[in-house]
Every structure is written in C-alpha cells, then in structure tokens.
C-alpha atoms as a PDB file:
ATOM      1  CA  UNK A   1     127.102 103.120 122.915  1.00  0.00           C
ATOM      2  CA  UNK A   2     126.594  99.428 122.431  1.00  0.00           C
ATOM      3  CA  UNK A   3     126.362  98.190 118.874  1.00  0.00           C
ATOM      4  CA  UNK A   4     124.620  94.924 118.084  1.00  0.00           C
ATOM      5  CA  UNK A   5     125.548  93.527 114.683  1.00  0.00           C
ATOM      6  CA  UNK A   6     123.534  91.010 112.649  1.00  0.00           C
ATOM      7  CA  UNK A   7     121.081  90.275 115.444  1.00  0.00           C
ATOM      8  CA  UNK A   8     117.995  88.379 114.373  1.00  0.00           C
ATOM      9  CA  UNK A   9     116.110  89.724 117.371  1.00  0.00           C
ATOM     10  CA  UNK A  10     116.845  92.200 120.143  1.00  0.00           C
ATOM     11  CA  UNK A  11     114.662  92.536 123.244  1.00  0.00           C
ATOM     12  CA  UNK A  12     115.227  95.195 125.893  1.00  0.00           C
ATOM     13  CA  UNK A  13     113.380  94.614 129.171  1.00  0.00           C
ATOM     14  CA  UNK A  14     113.199  96.944 132.157  1.00  0.00           C
ATOM     15  CA  UNK A  15     116.429  98.773 131.349  1.00  0.00           C
ATOM     16  CA  UNK A  16     117.569 101.148 134.070  1.00  0.00           C
ATOM     17  CA  UNK A  17     118.420 103.721 132.903  1.00  0.00           C
ATOM     18  CA  UNK A  18     116.175 103.437 129.840  1.00  0.00           C
ATOM     19  CA  UNK A  19     117.991 102.631 126.620  1.00  0.00           C
ATOM     20  CA  UNK A  20     117.472 103.903 123.112  1.00  0.00           C
ATOM     21  CA  UNK A  21     117.429 101.248 120.392  1.00  0.00           C
ATOM     22  CA  UNK A  22     117.976 102.721 116.940  1.00  0.00           C
ATOM     23  CA  UNK A  23     118.105 101.170 113.477  1.00  0.00           C
ATOM     24  CA  UNK A  24     121.351 101.872 111.644  1.00  0.00           C
ATOM     25  CA  UNK A  25     119.626 103.952 108.971  1.00  0.00           C
ATOM     26  CA  UNK A  26     118.325 106.345 111.671  1.00  0.00           C
ATOM     27  CA  UNK A  27     121.480 106.464 113.776  1.00  0.00           C
ATOM     28  CA  UNK A  28     123.000 109.706 112.439  1.00  0.00           C
ATOM     29  CA  UNK A  29     119.713 111.610 112.630  1.00  0.00           C
ATOM     30  CA  UNK A  30     118.944 110.416 116.172  1.00  0.00           C
ATOM     31  CA  UNK A  31     122.431 110.838 117.638  1.00  0.00           C
ATOM     32  CA  UNK A  32     122.930 114.308 116.160  1.00  0.00           C
ATOM     33  CA  UNK A  33     120.070 115.576 118.329  1.00  0.00           C
ATOM     34  CA  UNK A  34     121.356 114.126 121.607  1.00  0.00           C
ATOM     35  CA  UNK A  35     123.558 115.826 124.183  1.00  0.00           C
ATOM     36  CA  UNK A  36     127.087 114.538 123.500  1.00  0.00           C
ATOM     37  CA  UNK A  37     128.352 114.307 127.092  1.00  0.00           C
ATOM     38  CA  UNK A  38     127.429 112.310 130.179  1.00  0.00           C
ATOM     39  CA  UNK A  39     128.100 112.988 133.830  1.00  0.00           C
ATOM     40  CA  UNK A  40     130.800 110.796 135.430  1.00  0.00           C
ATOM     41  CA  UNK A  41     128.174 108.984 137.525  1.00  0.00           C
ATOM     42  CA  UNK A  42     126.194 108.152 134.379  1.00  0.00           C
ATOM     43  CA  UNK A  43     129.291 106.770 132.695  1.00  0.00           C
ATOM     44  CA  UNK A  44     130.080 104.632 135.751  1.00  0.00           C
ATOM     45  CA  UNK A  45     126.521 103.269 135.796  1.00  0.00           C
ATOM     46  CA  UNK A  46     126.621 102.332 132.102  1.00  0.00           C
ATOM     47  CA  UNK A  47     130.080 100.785 132.473  1.00  0.00           C
ATOM     48  CA  UNK A  48     128.901  98.723 135.429  1.00  0.00           C
ATOM     49  CA  UNK A  49     125.828  97.466 133.577  1.00  0.00           C
ATOM     50  CA  UNK A  50     127.872  96.593 130.490  1.00  0.00           C
ATOM     51  CA  UNK A  51     130.333  94.538 132.563  1.00  0.00           C
ATOM     52  CA  UNK A  52     127.611  92.673 134.481  1.00  0.00           C
ATOM     53  CA  UNK A  53     126.935  89.287 132.865  1.00  0.00           C
ATOM     54  CA  UNK A  54     123.298  89.470 133.980  1.00  0.00           C
ATOM     55  CA  UNK A  55     122.829  92.371 131.552  1.00  0.00           C
ATOM     56  CA  UNK A  56     123.458  90.008 128.641  1.00  0.00           C
ATOM     57  CA  UNK A  57     121.637  86.932 129.919  1.00  0.00           C
ATOM     58  CA  UNK A  58     118.631  85.791 127.919  1.00  0.00           C
END
C-alpha cells in the first residue's frame, strides 16, 4: 500500500500492474473486499516499482 497525503492532484499512467486509487472515506469498504495476501513474486514486483525513481517522476 502506498499512501499519498495532502496531494492536490494524483495522476496514474500506464501502471503495470494496474493500481487501485481509493479516497480515504472509501478505503475500509474497498480493502475489506480484497484478498489480503500477495504471492512473493507480486511483492517483489511492487517493491521494485516503489524503489525505482522513475515510478515517482512527473
């Protein structure tokens, strides 16, 4: 999970894997319906994307 706080604007383009952007007031309802675990390969992919500076470039 990546939490963006006090952002004026958030744009997600061509995310691979696709990402889910949720408003804070819907977070509990949305997350409670999702599968709570990821496969190790999925975790590694997310970790790699989060550590890549190009992920956060404008």
